Each structure stands twice: as C-alpha cells, then as structure tokens.
Amino acid sequence: MNGDELTPPGSGSDPAVGLRAVGALHRLAEKVEATNVALAREQGWSWEQIGDALGVSKQSVHAKHGK
C-alpha cells in the first residue's frame, strides 16, 4: 500500500467517511499526546525533553500543555 491508498476499510468513494476518520484520528492523537506529556512531566521530564521527543520546540509544547 502506498500513501495514495490510505482510506479506511469500507469507505469506498465517500469522502465524508474518510474525513470523519481523520477527525477521529486527530482527537485520539491529541488525547495520547496529552496523556504522555502529563506522564513525562510527572516523571520529571523538562519541556525541552518533551519537545524533542515530539519534534517541536519546548515553547510550543509548553504553550499547548503547560498549566
């Protein structure tokens, strides 16, 4: 399978199904990220370490998850 074939099983040619799947994946990714950022902070990770692991700046991850 190449990148052009990434469609959910059974989606056929209905873009609404594919777009709903994309939205669900985004929400899941956000939840997984938030959970793991919180866990990393509980374990003493710096914002720089978390940013490096996510491939973003420490400022970016702190702005998004710092409270």
Protein backbone atom coordinates (compact mmCIF):
# COMPACT_ATOMS: atom_id res chain seq x y z
CA MET A 1 0.00 0.00 0.00
CA ASN A 2 1.34 3.44 -0.83
CA GLY A 3 0.29 6.82 0.60
CA ASP A 4 -2.33 7.29 -2.11
CA GLU A 5 -4.22 4.21 -0.94
CA LEU A 6 -4.81 5.26 2.66
CA THR A 7 -8.55 5.04 3.04
CA PRO A 8 -10.47 3.35 5.82
CA PRO A 9 -11.87 -0.08 5.01
CA GLY A 10 -15.35 0.20 3.60
CA SER A 11 -15.09 3.92 2.87
CA GLY A 12 -15.43 3.44 -0.86
CA SER A 13 -15.62 6.79 -2.57
CA ASP A 14 -17.44 8.67 0.21
CA PRO A 15 -15.12 11.41 1.44
CA ALA A 16 -17.37 12.06 4.45
CA VAL A 17 -16.38 8.67 5.88
CA GLY A 18 -12.70 9.33 5.34
CA LEU A 19 -12.91 12.83 6.79
CA ARG A 20 -14.71 11.58 9.89
CA ALA A 21 -11.93 9.01 10.30
CA VAL A 22 -9.31 11.75 10.02
CA GLY A 23 -11.11 13.78 12.69
CA ALA A 24 -11.28 10.75 14.99
CA LEU A 25 -7.57 10.09 14.49
CA HIS A 26 -6.73 13.72 15.30
CA ARG A 27 -8.76 13.57 18.52
CA LEU A 28 -7.13 10.28 19.50
CA ALA A 29 -3.65 11.64 18.79
CA GLU A 30 -4.37 14.72 20.93
CA LYS A 31 -5.53 12.54 23.84
CA VAL A 32 -2.48 10.25 23.58
CA GLU A 33 -0.16 13.27 23.41
CA ALA A 34 -1.76 14.97 26.44
CA THR A 35 -1.64 11.77 28.49
CA ASN A 36 2.01 11.16 27.72
CA VAL A 37 3.07 14.77 28.22
CA ALA A 38 1.43 14.68 31.66
CA LEU A 39 3.17 11.40 32.45
CA ALA A 40 6.53 12.77 31.32
CA ARG A 41 6.08 15.86 33.49
CA GLU A 42 5.14 13.68 36.49
CA GLN A 43 8.38 11.77 35.92
CA GLY A 44 10.42 14.96 35.90
CA TRP A 45 10.94 15.49 32.18
CA SER A 46 11.74 19.04 31.11
CA TRP A 47 9.71 20.86 28.49
CA GLU A 48 12.80 20.67 26.28
CA GLN A 49 12.94 16.87 26.55
CA ILE A 50 9.24 16.57 25.77
CA GLY A 51 9.53 18.96 22.85
CA ASP A 52 12.48 16.99 21.47
CA ALA A 53 10.52 13.74 21.75
CA LEU A 54 7.57 15.30 19.90
CA GLY A 55 9.73 17.07 17.33
CA VAL A 56 8.59 20.55 18.39
CA SER A 57 10.09 23.40 20.41
CA LYS A 58 9.90 23.46 24.19
CA GLN A 59 7.97 26.73 23.90
CA SER A 60 5.40 25.12 21.63
CA VAL A 61 4.77 22.13 23.87
CA HIS A 62 4.69 24.30 26.99
CA ALA A 63 2.20 26.70 25.40
CA LYS A 64 -0.02 23.75 24.48
CA HIS A 65 0.24 21.66 27.65
CA GLY A 66 1.65 23.88 30.41
CA LYS A 67 -0.88 24.93 33.01
